[in-house]
Amino acid sequence: MRVIAGSRRHLILKTVPGMAVRPTQDRTKETLFNMLTPYLADCRFLDLFSGSGAIGIEALSRGAADTVLVEQSPESLACIKENLKTTRLTEEARLLGMDVFRAIPLLEAEEKAFDIIFMDPPYEKELEKQVLTYLADSCLVAEDTLIIVEASLQTDFSYLDKLGFEIFREKKYKNNQHVFIQKQVDEPA
């Protein structure tokens, strides 16, 4: 696994040993970030369920100004710290070693929305639904905030409308998908 592009291009990243973390493959990560390119410059980026930190690090490498990575697993935290050190991005990133549902209220206290929120929770546990339900009324999400969920192909997103969100783009891969979500835009009467 490596940094695909930007200021830290080609640097090798470590992964968490074992099967507990599913690192986003380089090809999938490249496709994702090619779609995100217009939104990245100087953005505020939130990486939930960070795993190895590869997504947040890629965002920083490509020009994100303020990146927060949230991960609770001690093994993953150690991996993220090592990857930030390797890429010399320790000072640019903010790492919160805690559960996502503890981190979100902590971040809300700052009263600043993120431009991009990425999450790659464990599959088939509906954690993305719990996070999106919380974010529906959160100050972390502005009208133009882009939320991307990496999920299994079987993940149901039919509830988004009830939360005031809508899917504006989907990218399906062989084994998973990226679902791009924003707040619903009220049509003028």
C-alpha atoms as a PDB file:
ATOM      1  CA  MET A   1       0.000   0.000   0.000  1.00  0.00           C
ATOM      2  CA  ARG A   2       1.314   3.444  -0.868  1.00  0.00           C
ATOM      3  CA  VAL A   3       0.449   7.125  -1.161  1.00  0.00           C
ATOM      4  CA  ILE A   4      -0.879   7.463  -4.709  1.00  0.00           C
ATOM      5  CA  ALA A   5      -0.349  11.156  -5.502  1.00  0.00           C
ATOM      6  CA  GLY A   6       0.488  14.577  -4.158  1.00  0.00           C
ATOM      7  CA  SER A   7       3.351  15.782  -1.967  1.00  0.00           C
ATOM      8  CA  ARG A   8       3.989  12.313  -0.446  1.00  0.00           C
ATOM      9  CA  ARG A   9       3.543  10.344  -3.678  1.00  0.00           C
ATOM     10  CA  HIS A  10       5.001   6.792  -3.767  1.00  0.00           C
ATOM     11  CA  LEU A  11       5.761   6.580  -0.030  1.00  0.00           C
ATOM     12  CA  ILE A  12       5.009   3.098   1.286  1.00  0.00           C
ATOM     13  CA  LEU A  13       2.405   2.749   4.044  1.00  0.00           C
ATOM     14  CA  LYS A  14       2.118  -0.040   6.593  1.00  0.00           C
ATOM     15  CA  THR A  15      -1.091  -1.965   7.133  1.00  0.00           C
ATOM     16  CA  VAL A  16      -2.516  -3.439  10.301  1.00  0.00           C
ATOM     17  CA  PRO A  17      -1.649  -7.145  10.511  1.00  0.00           C
ATOM     18  CA  GLY A  18      -4.501  -9.644  10.522  1.00  0.00           C
ATOM     19  CA  MET A  19      -8.029  -9.537   9.197  1.00  0.00           C
ATOM     20  CA  ALA A  20      -9.514  -6.880  11.500  1.00  0.00           C
ATOM     21  CA  VAL A  21      -8.806  -4.029   9.045  1.00  0.00           C
ATOM     22  CA  ARG A  22      -9.597  -4.012   5.304  1.00  0.00           C
ATOM     23  CA  PRO A  23      -7.193  -1.512   3.728  1.00  0.00           C
ATOM     24  CA  THR A  24      -8.619   0.249   0.689  1.00  0.00           C
ATOM     25  CA  GLN A  25      -6.715  -1.133  -2.289  1.00  0.00           C
ATOM     26  CA  ASP A  26      -4.459   1.288  -4.171  1.00  0.00           C
ATOM     27  CA  ARG A  27      -6.525   1.081  -7.368  1.00  0.00           C
ATOM     28  CA  THR A  28      -9.780   1.766  -5.468  1.00  0.00           C
ATOM     29  CA  LYS A  29      -8.125   4.588  -3.510  1.00  0.00           C
ATOM     30  CA  GLU A  30      -6.850   6.132  -6.747  1.00  0.00           C
ATOM     31  CA  THR A  31     -10.335   6.019  -8.284  1.00  0.00           C
ATOM     32  CA  LEU A  32     -11.847   7.571  -5.151  1.00  0.00           C
ATOM     33  CA  PHE A  33      -9.335  10.412  -5.003  1.00  0.00           C
ATOM     34  CA  ASN A  34      -9.620  11.117  -8.724  1.00  0.00           C
ATOM     35  CA  MET A  35     -13.318  11.792  -8.041  1.00  0.00           C
ATOM     36  CA  LEU A  36     -12.458  13.928  -4.980  1.00  0.00           C
ATOM     37  CA  THR A  37      -9.774  16.062  -6.673  1.00  0.00           C
ATOM     38  CA  PRO A  38     -12.016  19.133  -7.218  1.00  0.00           C
ATOM     39  CA  TYR A  39     -12.930  19.187  -3.508  1.00  0.00           C
ATOM     40  CA  LEU A  40      -9.563  18.572  -1.810  1.00  0.00           C
ATOM     41  CA  ALA A  41      -7.565  21.800  -1.981  1.00  0.00           C
ATOM     42  CA  ASP A  42      -7.463  23.381   1.493  1.00  0.00           C
ATOM     43  CA  CYS A  43     -10.467  21.335   2.655  1.00  0.00           C
ATOM     44  CA  ARG A  44     -11.311  20.119   6.168  1.00  0.00           C
ATOM     45  CA  PHE A  45     -11.238  16.317   5.957  1.00  0.00           C
ATOM     46  CA  LEU A  46     -12.593  13.869   8.541  1.00  0.00           C
ATOM     47  CA  ASP A  47     -11.585  10.196   8.297  1.00  0.00           C
ATOM     48  CA  LEU A  48     -13.768   8.012  10.535  1.00  0.00           C
ATOM     49  CA  PHE A  49     -12.810   4.378  11.245  1.00  0.00           C
ATOM     50  CA  SER A  50      -9.337   5.267   9.912  1.00  0.00           C
ATOM     51  CA  GLY A  51      -7.722   1.808   9.985  1.00  0.00           C
ATOM     52  CA  SER A  52      -4.165   2.363   8.721  1.00  0.00           C
ATOM     53  CA  GLY A  53      -4.764   6.075   8.110  1.00  0.00           C
ATOM     54  CA  ALA A  54      -4.182   5.692   4.361  1.00  0.00           C
ATOM     55  CA  ILE A  55      -7.258   7.714   3.317  1.00  0.00           C
ATOM     56  CA  GLY A  56      -6.547  10.666   5.611  1.00  0.00           C
ATOM     57  CA  ILE A  57      -2.870  10.598   4.621  1.00  0.00           C
ATOM     58  CA  GLU A  58      -3.798  10.574   0.929  1.00  0.00           C
ATOM     59  CA  ALA A  59      -6.067  13.595   1.534  1.00  0.00           C
ATOM     60  CA  LEU A  60      -3.207  15.480   3.214  1.00  0.00           C
ATOM     61  CA  SER A  61      -0.787  14.531   0.444  1.00  0.00           C
ATOM     62  CA  ARG A  62      -3.245  15.929  -2.110  1.00  0.00           C
ATOM     63  CA  GLY A  63      -3.769  19.273  -0.389  1.00  0.00           C
ATOM     64  CA  ALA A  64      -6.292  18.939   2.432  1.00  0.00           C
ATOM     65  CA  ALA A  65      -5.564  21.635   5.009  1.00  0.00           C
ATOM     66  CA  ASP A  66      -7.061  20.166   8.166  1.00  0.00           C
ATOM     67  CA  THR A  67      -7.382  16.403   8.520  1.00  0.00           C
ATOM     68  CA  VAL A  68      -8.732  14.523  11.533  1.00  0.00           C
ATOM     69  CA  LEU A  69      -8.360  10.746  11.754  1.00  0.00           C
ATOM     70  CA  VAL A  70     -10.515   8.806  14.227  1.00  0.00           C
ATOM     71  CA  GLU A  71      -9.650   5.251  15.231  1.00  0.00           C
ATOM     72  CA  GLN A  72     -10.075   3.323  18.481  1.00  0.00           C
ATOM     73  CA  SER A  73      -8.083   0.120  17.883  1.00  0.00           C
ATOM     74  CA  PRO A  74      -4.650   0.246  19.607  1.00  0.00           C
ATOM     75  CA  GLU A  75      -3.069  -1.750  16.740  1.00  0.00           C
ATOM     76  CA  SER A  76      -4.525   0.613  14.151  1.00  0.00           C
ATOM     77  CA  LEU A  77      -3.474   3.688  16.140  1.00  0.00           C
ATOM     78  CA  ALA A  78       0.111   2.429  16.242  1.00  0.00           C
ATOM     79  CA  CYS A  79      -0.022   1.825  12.486  1.00  0.00           C
ATOM     80  CA  ILE A  80      -1.433   5.316  11.803  1.00  0.00           C
ATOM     81  CA  LYS A  81       1.258   6.929  13.952  1.00  0.00           C
ATOM     82  CA  GLU A  82       3.962   5.023  12.077  1.00  0.00           C
ATOM     83  CA  ASN A  83       2.449   5.972   8.693  1.00  0.00           C
ATOM     84  CA  LEU A  84       2.199   9.644   9.695  1.00  0.00           C
ATOM     85  CA  LYS A  85       5.839   9.549  10.794  1.00  0.00           C
ATOM     86  CA  THR A  86       6.922   7.851   7.538  1.00  0.00           C
ATOM     87  CA  THR A  87       5.089  10.460   5.450  1.00  0.00           C
ATOM     88  CA  ARG A  88       6.240  13.327   7.694  1.00  0.00           C
ATOM     89  CA  LEU A  89       2.618  14.389   8.218  1.00  0.00           C
ATOM     90  CA  THR A  90       2.439  14.019  12.006  1.00  0.00           C
ATOM     91  CA  GLU A  91       2.133  17.790  12.510  1.00  0.00           C
ATOM     92  CA  GLU A  92      -0.492  18.234   9.771  1.00  0.00           C
ATOM     93  CA  ALA A  93      -2.839  15.496  10.989  1.00  0.00           C
ATOM     94  CA  ARG A  94      -4.903  15.285  14.139  1.00  0.00           C
ATOM     95  CA  LEU A  95      -5.361  11.761  15.462  1.00  0.00           C
ATOM     96  CA  LEU A  96      -8.176  10.974  17.886  1.00  0.00           C
ATOM     97  CA  GLY A  97      -7.680   7.581  19.497  1.00  0.00           C
ATOM     98  CA  MET A  98     -11.241   6.878  20.525  1.00  0.00           C
ATOM     99  CA  ASP A  99     -14.581   5.479  19.440  1.00  0.00           C
ATOM    100  CA  VAL A 100     -16.239   7.406  16.593  1.00  0.00           C
ATOM    101  CA  PHE A 101     -19.324   8.053  18.741  1.00  0.00           C
ATOM    102  CA  ARG A 102     -17.149   9.754  21.381  1.00  0.00           C
ATOM    103  CA  ALA A 103     -15.117  11.686  18.810  1.00  0.00           C
ATOM    104  CA  ILE A 104     -18.065  13.252  16.981  1.00  0.00           C
ATOM    105  CA  PRO A 105     -19.397  15.217  20.013  1.00  0.00           C
ATOM    106  CA  LEU A 106     -15.842  16.291  20.821  1.00  0.00           C
ATOM    107  CA  LEU A 107     -15.448  17.666  17.284  1.00  0.00           C
ATOM    108  CA  GLU A 108     -18.891  19.315  17.445  1.00  0.00           C
ATOM    109  CA  ALA A 109     -17.694  21.417  20.369  1.00  0.00           C
ATOM    110  CA  GLU A 110     -15.414  23.200  17.868  1.00  0.00           C
ATOM    111  CA  GLU A 111     -18.491  24.223  15.833  1.00  0.00           C
ATOM    112  CA  LYS A 112     -16.742  23.884  12.460  1.00  0.00           C
ATOM    113  CA  ALA A 113     -18.144  21.844   9.591  1.00  0.00           C
ATOM    114  CA  PHE A 114     -16.003  19.519   7.520  1.00  0.00           C
ATOM    115  CA  ASP A 115     -15.832  19.760   3.731  1.00  0.00           C
ATOM    116  CA  ILE A 116     -15.384  15.999   3.337  1.00  0.00           C
ATOM    117  CA  ILE A 117     -16.287  13.216   5.759  1.00  0.00           C
ATOM    118  CA  PHE A 118     -15.064   9.740   4.817  1.00  0.00           C
ATOM    119  CA  MET A 119     -16.021   6.596   6.696  1.00  0.00           C
ATOM    120  CA  ASP A 120     -15.101   2.960   6.207  1.00  0.00           C
ATOM    121  CA  PRO A 121     -16.761   1.172   9.127  1.00  0.00           C
ATOM    122  CA  PRO A 122     -16.779  -2.594   9.614  1.00  0.00           C
ATOM    123  CA  TYR A 123     -19.199  -4.090   7.100  1.00  0.00           C
ATOM    124  CA  GLU A 124     -22.641  -5.504   7.893  1.00  0.00           C
ATOM    125  CA  LYS A 125     -22.950  -3.871  11.335  1.00  0.00           C
ATOM    126  CA  GLU A 126     -24.972  -0.803  10.227  1.00  0.00           C
ATOM    127  CA  LEU A 127     -22.415   1.525  11.812  1.00  0.00           C
ATOM    128  CA  GLU A 128     -22.659   3.826   8.787  1.00  0.00           C
ATOM    129  CA  LYS A 129     -26.393   4.161   9.457  1.00  0.00           C
ATOM    130  CA  GLN A 130     -25.748   5.065  13.114  1.00  0.00           C
ATOM    131  CA  VAL A 131     -23.115   7.654  12.142  1.00  0.00           C
ATOM    132  CA  LEU A 132     -25.289   9.170   9.394  1.00  0.00           C
ATOM    133  CA  THR A 133     -28.257   9.339  11.776  1.00  0.00           C
ATOM    134  CA  TYR A 134     -26.102  11.295  14.214  1.00  0.00           C
ATOM    135  CA  LEU A 135     -24.615  13.522  11.501  1.00  0.00           C
ATOM    136  CA  ALA A 136     -28.056  14.428  10.117  1.00  0.00           C
ATOM    137  CA  ASP A 137     -28.422  17.096  12.827  1.00  0.00           C
ATOM    138  CA  SER A 138     -24.742  17.795  13.427  1.00  0.00           C
ATOM    139  CA  CYS A 139     -22.868  21.062  12.947  1.00  0.00           C
ATOM    140  CA  LEU A 140     -20.081  18.977  11.397  1.00  0.00           C
ATOM    141  CA  VAL A 141     -22.151  18.714   8.216  1.00  0.00           C
ATOM    142  CA  ALA A 142     -22.829  21.865   6.194  1.00  0.00           C
ATOM    143  CA  GLU A 143     -25.067  22.149   3.147  1.00  0.00           C
ATOM    144  CA  ASP A 144     -22.130  21.410   0.835  1.00  0.00           C
ATOM    145  CA  THR A 145     -20.336  18.779   2.966  1.00  0.00           C
ATOM    146  CA  LEU A 146     -19.525  15.668   0.987  1.00  0.00           C
ATOM    147  CA  ILE A 147     -19.897  12.381   2.891  1.00  0.00           C
ATOM    148  CA  ILE A 148     -18.382   9.247   1.398  1.00  0.00           C
ATOM    149  CA  VAL A 149     -19.158   5.807   2.794  1.00  0.00           C
ATOM    150  CA  GLU A 150     -17.120   2.772   1.817  1.00  0.00           C
ATOM    151  CA  ALA A 151     -19.476  -0.172   2.228  1.00  0.00           C
ATOM    152  CA  SER A 152     -20.249  -3.661   1.021  1.00  0.00           C
ATOM    153  CA  LEU A 153     -22.307  -3.966  -2.148  1.00  0.00           C
ATOM    154  CA  GLN A 154     -25.219  -5.264  -0.044  1.00  0.00           C
ATOM    155  CA  THR A 155     -25.397  -2.231   2.261  1.00  0.00           C
ATOM    156  CA  ASP A 156     -28.837  -0.611   2.277  1.00  0.00           C
ATOM    157  CA  PHE A 157     -29.014   3.188   2.058  1.00  0.00           C
ATOM    158  CA  SER A 158     -32.792   3.497   1.530  1.00  0.00           C
ATOM    159  CA  TYR A 159     -33.146   5.370   4.850  1.00  0.00           C
ATOM    160  CA  LEU A 160     -31.120   8.413   3.711  1.00  0.00           C
ATOM    161  CA  ASP A 161     -34.162  10.387   2.558  1.00  0.00           C
ATOM    162  CA  LYS A 162     -35.668  10.244   6.057  1.00  0.00           C
ATOM    163  CA  LEU A 163     -32.416  11.715   7.439  1.00  0.00           C
ATOM    164  CA  GLY A 164     -32.419  14.592   4.946  1.00  0.00           C
ATOM    165  CA  PHE A 165     -29.577  13.135   2.876  1.00  0.00           C
ATOM    166  CA  GLU A 166     -29.396  12.025  -0.734  1.00  0.00           C
ATOM    167  CA  ILE A 167     -27.001   9.965  -2.814  1.00  0.00           C
ATOM    168  CA  PHE A 168     -25.518  12.020  -5.586  1.00  0.00           C
ATOM    169  CA  ARG A 169     -22.979   9.494  -6.867  1.00  0.00           C
ATOM    170  CA  GLU A 170     -22.094   5.837  -6.455  1.00  0.00           C
ATOM    171  CA  LYS A 171     -19.041   3.927  -7.571  1.00  0.00           C
ATOM    172  CA  LYS A 172     -19.271   0.150  -7.403  1.00  0.00           C
ATOM    173  CA  TYR A 173     -16.222  -2.095  -7.413  1.00  0.00           C
ATOM    174  CA  LYS A 174     -15.902  -5.873  -7.461  1.00  0.00           C
ATOM    175  CA  ASN A 175     -16.404  -6.332  -3.700  1.00  0.00           C
ATOM    176  CA  ASN A 176     -17.509  -2.964  -2.316  1.00  0.00           C
ATOM    177  CA  GLN A 177     -18.701   0.526  -3.191  1.00  0.00           C
ATOM    178  CA  HIS A 178     -18.234   4.208  -2.461  1.00  0.00           C
ATOM    179  CA  VAL A 179     -21.484   6.054  -1.845  1.00  0.00           C
ATOM    180  CA  PHE A 180     -21.329   9.857  -2.105  1.00  0.00           C
ATOM    181  CA  ILE A 181     -23.919  11.573   0.082  1.00  0.00           C
ATOM    182  CA  GLN A 182     -24.956  15.193   0.639  1.00  0.00           C
ATOM    183  CA  LYS A 183     -27.747  17.009   2.404  1.00  0.00           C
ATOM    184  CA  GLN A 184     -30.896  17.241   0.326  1.00  0.00           C
ATOM    185  CA  VAL A 185     -31.288  20.513  -1.485  1.00  0.00           C
ATOM    186  CA  ASP A 186     -34.711  22.107  -1.085  1.00  0.00           C
ATOM    187  CA  GLU A 187     -36.160  22.954  -4.468  1.00  0.00           C
ATOM    188  CA  PRO A 188     -37.483  26.522  -4.746  1.00  0.00           C
ATOM    189  CA  ALA A 189     -41.270  26.661  -4.782  1.00  0.00           C
END
